[in-house]
Amino acid sequence: MAANSTIEWTGSTWNPVTGCTKISEGCAHCYAERMALRLKAMGQKNYVNGFQVTLHPHALNIPLKWKSPHMIFVNSMGDLFHNEVPLSFIQQVFEVMNKAYRHRFQILTKRAERLADLAPSLSWTENIWMGVTVESAAYLYRLEYLRNVTAAVRFLSLEPLLSPIPDMDLTKVDWVIVGGESGPGARPMNKSWVIDIRQQCHDAKVPFFFKQWGGVNKKNAGRLLDGTTYGEMPARNGGIYQYNDSLNL
């Protein structure tokens, strides 16, 4: 439940739900699972169940206590749309986001089908951004479910990028994040895949955010692409602005 995050494309994290289960190849080396088990071993009370899906009602009101505007990644340690998370609890999470209008909330899921099923039952205020993870071309179908969600910003997280993803239809996509896998057993990402996605974003006029090359030591690999740091994000009133520490809120 951090007020500061090291994730390059957000400012803070908020975890009213922790834990998940693997559903596709991008989950193989899940950083959140490694961290959850480490926190359990350290005796952190929110992780007594390790990486089992766990609801944290006591954490629901945390964003309401943050007075200054934050960019908040919701459930960095789980998936809000996991089948074990009841609709009633998801609605409570959305009610908090609706009230905390000074913040922007970024939600990311691999469970695009459930997202699409539940979306009509949720209140999509303009401060809620919704994304799906697409780690390879085999999972591009998740984007089709996202398109019809009435979020103010719809985004793709192509991380960990495990294959080329050519010829994407970026209609109704407002932002694309690309990143390589990091940590133990990290699978390599080919530069040509990233260059092609950057060009697709340029052609479609969609902001492109390059998060990292990844690898066993991601800090050494950095995030420069052809000597440039790509930190484009959706602008509130159209166009593109460059990401910076102030988040331009």
Protein backbone atom coordinates (compact mmCIF):
# COMPACT_ATOMS: atom_id res chain seq x y z
CA MET A 1 0.00 0.00 0.00
CA ALA A 2 2.77 2.37 -1.03
CA ALA A 3 2.56 6.12 -1.45
CA ASN A 4 5.64 5.90 -3.66
CA SER A 5 6.32 3.32 -6.34
CA THR A 6 9.40 2.36 -8.35
CA ILE A 7 7.18 1.32 -11.29
CA GLU A 8 8.15 3.73 -14.05
CA TRP A 9 4.66 4.51 -15.37
CA THR A 10 2.90 5.23 -12.08
CA GLY A 11 3.45 7.18 -8.87
CA SER A 12 1.91 5.04 -6.12
CA THR A 13 0.37 1.62 -5.57
CA TRP A 14 -2.78 0.59 -3.73
CA ASN A 15 -3.62 -3.06 -3.05
CA PRO A 16 -7.16 -3.66 -1.73
CA VAL A 17 -6.67 -7.17 -3.15
CA THR A 18 -3.47 -9.22 -3.09
CA GLY A 19 -2.68 -12.58 -4.64
CA CYS A 20 -3.42 -14.19 -7.98
CA THR A 21 -3.15 -17.41 -10.00
CA LYS A 22 -1.29 -18.01 -13.24
CA ILE A 23 -3.37 -18.00 -16.42
CA SER A 24 -0.92 -17.43 -19.30
CA GLU A 25 2.74 -17.55 -20.27
CA GLY A 26 3.44 -14.02 -19.05
CA CYS A 27 2.73 -15.21 -15.49
CA ALA A 28 5.58 -17.75 -15.42
CA HIS A 29 8.04 -15.54 -13.49
CA CYS A 30 5.58 -13.30 -11.65
CA TYR A 31 7.36 -10.59 -9.66
CA ALA A 32 4.31 -10.08 -7.42
CA GLU A 33 4.34 -13.73 -6.38
CA ARG A 34 8.03 -13.56 -5.47
CA MET A 35 7.47 -10.40 -3.48
CA ALA A 36 4.37 -11.73 -1.71
CA LEU A 37 6.19 -14.84 -0.51
CA ARG A 38 9.09 -12.70 0.68
CA LEU A 39 6.72 -10.42 2.60
CA LYS A 40 4.99 -13.44 4.15
CA ALA A 41 8.35 -14.72 5.36
CA MET A 42 9.02 -11.29 6.87
CA GLY A 43 5.74 -11.45 8.81
CA GLN A 44 3.96 -8.68 6.88
CA LYS A 45 0.34 -8.95 8.04
CA ASN A 46 -1.23 -8.34 4.62
CA TYR A 47 0.59 -11.38 3.25
CA VAL A 48 -0.13 -14.06 5.83
CA ASN A 49 -1.79 -15.97 2.98
CA GLY A 50 1.21 -15.57 0.72
CA PHE A 51 0.01 -15.23 -2.88
CA GLN A 52 -3.47 -16.61 -2.32
CA VAL A 53 -6.19 -14.18 -3.40
CA THR A 54 -7.00 -12.11 -0.31
CA LEU A 55 -9.36 -9.16 0.15
CA HIS A 56 -8.23 -6.25 2.35
CA PRO A 57 -11.31 -4.21 3.37
CA HIS A 58 -9.14 -2.25 5.82
CA ALA A 59 -7.19 -0.85 2.84
CA LEU A 60 -10.17 0.45 0.90
CA ASN A 61 -10.05 4.04 2.15
CA ILE A 62 -6.29 4.59 1.84
CA PRO A 63 -6.50 6.82 -1.29
CA LEU A 64 -9.03 9.05 0.45
CA LYS A 65 -6.34 9.89 3.02
CA TRP A 66 -3.82 11.08 0.41
CA LYS A 67 -4.45 14.81 0.09
CA SER A 68 -2.19 15.61 -2.86
CA PRO A 69 -3.01 14.13 -6.31
CA HIS A 70 -1.43 10.77 -7.08
CA MET A 71 -1.16 8.51 -10.10
CA ILE A 72 -2.13 5.18 -8.51
CA PHE A 73 -1.64 1.65 -9.85
CA VAL A 74 -4.48 -0.43 -8.42
CA ASN A 75 -3.52 -3.97 -7.35
CA SER A 76 0.13 -4.14 -8.31
CA MET A 77 0.15 -7.32 -6.20
CA GLY A 78 -2.86 -9.05 -7.71
CA ASP A 79 -5.68 -8.83 -10.25
CA LEU A 80 -8.84 -6.95 -9.31
CA PHE A 81 -10.83 -8.97 -11.86
CA HIS A 82 -9.75 -12.38 -10.59
CA ASN A 83 -12.71 -14.78 -10.37
CA GLU A 84 -12.25 -15.05 -6.60
CA VAL A 85 -12.88 -11.33 -6.10
CA PRO A 86 -16.66 -10.76 -5.70
CA LEU A 87 -18.38 -8.12 -7.79
CA SER A 88 -19.57 -6.48 -4.57
CA PHE A 89 -15.96 -5.90 -3.46
CA ILE A 90 -14.91 -4.63 -6.90
CA GLN A 91 -17.80 -2.16 -6.67
CA GLN A 92 -16.50 -0.97 -3.30
CA VAL A 93 -13.08 -0.37 -4.85
CA PHE A 94 -14.72 1.63 -7.64
CA GLU A 95 -16.75 3.66 -5.14
CA VAL A 96 -13.51 4.76 -3.48
CA MET A 97 -12.01 5.70 -6.85
CA ASN A 98 -15.16 7.64 -7.72
CA LYS A 99 -14.87 9.61 -4.47
CA ALA A 100 -11.11 10.19 -4.73
CA TYR A 101 -11.44 12.23 -7.89
CA ARG A 102 -8.21 14.16 -7.32
CA HIS A 103 -6.26 10.96 -8.08
CA ARG A 104 -5.91 9.01 -11.32
CA PHE A 105 -6.23 5.24 -10.99
CA GLN A 106 -4.64 2.72 -13.34
CA ILE A 107 -6.09 -0.81 -13.33
CA LEU A 108 -4.49 -3.68 -15.24
CA THR A 109 -5.87 -7.18 -15.80
CA LYS A 110 -5.23 -10.33 -17.80
CA ARG A 111 -8.85 -11.40 -17.20
CA ALA A 112 -10.35 -9.33 -19.97
CA GLU A 113 -13.43 -11.50 -20.36
CA ARG A 114 -14.51 -10.92 -16.76
CA LEU A 115 -13.68 -7.23 -17.08
CA ALA A 116 -16.05 -6.97 -20.04
CA ASP A 117 -18.77 -8.91 -18.21
CA LEU A 118 -18.62 -6.73 -15.09
CA ALA A 119 -17.88 -3.34 -16.68
CA PRO A 120 -21.57 -2.34 -17.07
CA SER A 121 -22.01 -2.84 -13.31
CA LEU A 122 -19.22 -0.40 -12.44
CA SER A 123 -19.05 3.40 -12.34
CA TRP A 124 -16.34 4.59 -14.77
CA THR A 125 -15.51 8.13 -13.69
CA GLU A 126 -12.93 10.00 -15.78
CA ASN A 127 -10.12 9.41 -13.30
CA ILE A 128 -10.12 5.63 -13.90
CA TRP A 129 -7.79 4.20 -16.55
CA MET A 130 -8.28 0.56 -17.58
CA GLY A 131 -5.71 -1.67 -19.23
CA VAL A 132 -5.11 -5.27 -20.26
CA THR A 133 -1.85 -7.19 -20.42
CA VAL A 134 -0.93 -8.69 -23.80
CA GLU A 135 2.40 -10.51 -23.53
CA SER A 136 2.37 -12.06 -27.00
CA ALA A 137 0.32 -12.13 -30.18
CA ALA A 138 -1.55 -15.17 -28.83
CA TYR A 139 -3.29 -12.94 -26.26
CA LEU A 140 -4.19 -10.01 -28.46
CA TYR A 141 -7.82 -11.08 -28.18
CA ARG A 142 -7.83 -9.42 -24.73
CA LEU A 143 -7.79 -6.06 -26.50
CA GLU A 144 -11.14 -6.81 -28.14
CA TYR A 145 -12.77 -7.06 -24.70
CA LEU A 146 -11.13 -3.82 -23.56
CA ARG A 147 -12.36 -1.75 -26.51
CA ASN A 148 -15.95 -1.71 -25.31
CA VAL A 149 -15.16 -0.75 -21.71
CA THR A 150 -16.20 2.87 -21.15
CA ALA A 151 -13.03 3.94 -19.32
CA ALA A 152 -11.72 7.43 -20.05
CA VAL A 153 -8.33 5.90 -20.90
CA ARG A 154 -7.87 2.38 -22.27
CA PHE A 155 -4.32 1.06 -22.36
CA LEU A 156 -2.19 -1.96 -23.27
CA SER A 157 0.65 -3.32 -21.17
CA LEU A 158 2.86 -5.37 -23.50
CA GLU A 159 4.96 -6.68 -20.62
CA PRO A 160 6.70 -8.99 -20.41
CA LEU A 161 6.88 -8.79 -24.20
CA LEU A 162 7.54 -12.37 -25.31
CA SER A 163 6.96 -12.23 -29.05
CA PRO A 164 6.49 -9.79 -31.92
CA ILE A 165 2.97 -8.34 -32.08
CA PRO A 166 2.60 -6.99 -35.62
CA ASP A 167 -0.35 -5.22 -37.21
CA MET A 168 -2.24 -4.31 -34.04
CA ASP A 169 -5.52 -2.49 -34.40
CA LEU A 170 -5.05 0.36 -31.92
CA THR A 171 -8.55 1.76 -32.38
CA LYS A 172 -9.85 3.01 -29.00
CA VAL A 173 -6.43 2.47 -27.41
CA ASP A 174 -5.09 5.56 -25.64
CA TRP A 175 -1.70 4.34 -24.40
CA VAL A 176 0.77 1.49 -24.94
CA ILE A 177 3.41 0.36 -22.42
CA VAL A 178 6.20 -1.99 -23.52
CA GLY A 179 8.67 -3.77 -21.26
CA GLY A 180 10.93 -6.78 -21.09
CA GLU A 181 10.79 -9.41 -18.39
CA SER A 182 13.05 -8.92 -15.37
CA GLY A 183 14.33 -11.01 -12.50
CA PRO A 184 15.33 -14.68 -12.20
CA GLY A 185 14.78 -16.64 -15.41
CA ALA A 186 13.93 -13.50 -17.43
CA ARG A 187 13.16 -14.32 -21.06
CA PRO A 188 14.83 -12.06 -23.65
CA MET A 189 13.02 -9.37 -25.62
CA ASN A 190 14.09 -8.67 -29.20
CA LYS A 191 14.74 -5.03 -30.05
CA SER A 192 13.01 -5.42 -33.41
CA TRP A 193 9.74 -6.24 -31.62
CA VAL A 194 9.95 -2.98 -29.67
CA ILE A 195 10.86 -0.89 -32.72
CA ASP A 196 7.88 -2.28 -34.63
CA ILE A 197 5.47 -1.50 -31.76
CA ARG A 198 6.90 2.01 -31.45
CA GLN A 199 6.22 2.55 -35.15
CA GLN A 200 2.68 1.19 -34.85
CA CYS A 201 2.02 3.64 -32.02
CA HIS A 202 3.52 6.52 -34.02
CA ASP A 203 1.37 5.69 -37.04
CA ALA A 204 -1.78 5.47 -34.88
CA LYS A 205 -0.86 8.58 -32.84
CA VAL A 206 -0.98 6.56 -29.60
CA PRO A 207 1.40 7.51 -26.73
CA PHE A 208 4.26 5.00 -26.38
CA PHE A 209 5.92 4.27 -23.03
CA PHE A 210 9.04 2.10 -23.01
CA LYS A 211 9.41 0.82 -19.45
CA GLN A 212 12.53 -1.34 -19.51
CA TRP A 213 14.69 -3.85 -21.36
CA GLY A 214 14.50 -6.12 -18.33
CA GLY A 215 16.85 -9.04 -17.80
CA VAL A 216 18.29 -10.46 -14.60
CA ASN A 217 19.56 -6.99 -13.66
CA LYS A 218 17.09 -4.54 -15.16
CA LYS A 219 18.87 -1.47 -13.77
CA ASN A 220 21.96 -2.26 -15.81
CA ALA A 221 19.89 -2.74 -18.96
CA GLY A 222 18.02 0.54 -18.42
CA ARG A 223 15.21 1.86 -20.60
CA LEU A 224 16.88 3.77 -23.39
CA LEU A 225 15.65 2.87 -26.88
CA ASP A 226 17.95 4.15 -29.61
CA GLY A 227 19.36 6.62 -27.11
CA THR A 228 15.95 8.03 -26.15
CA THR A 229 13.74 7.61 -23.07
CA TYR A 230 10.17 7.15 -24.25
CA GLY A 231 7.78 8.23 -21.50
CA GLU A 232 4.71 9.36 -23.40
CA MET A 233 1.38 9.25 -21.58
CA PRO A 234 -2.21 10.21 -22.40
CA ALA A 235 -2.86 13.91 -21.97
CA ARG A 236 -5.96 15.06 -20.14
CA ASN A 237 -7.06 17.22 -23.08
CA GLY A 238 -5.68 15.31 -26.03
CA GLY A 239 -2.21 15.14 -27.49
CA ILE A 240 0.85 13.72 -25.73
CA TYR A 241 2.80 14.94 -22.73
CA GLN A 242 6.10 13.66 -21.43
CA TYR A 243 6.09 11.78 -18.15
CA ASN A 244 7.90 13.47 -15.29
CA ASP A 245 8.06 13.28 -11.52
CA SER A 246 5.28 15.82 -11.03
CA LEU A 247 2.96 13.65 -13.17
CA ASN A 248 1.41 16.85 -14.62
CA LEU A 249 -1.74 16.33 -12.57
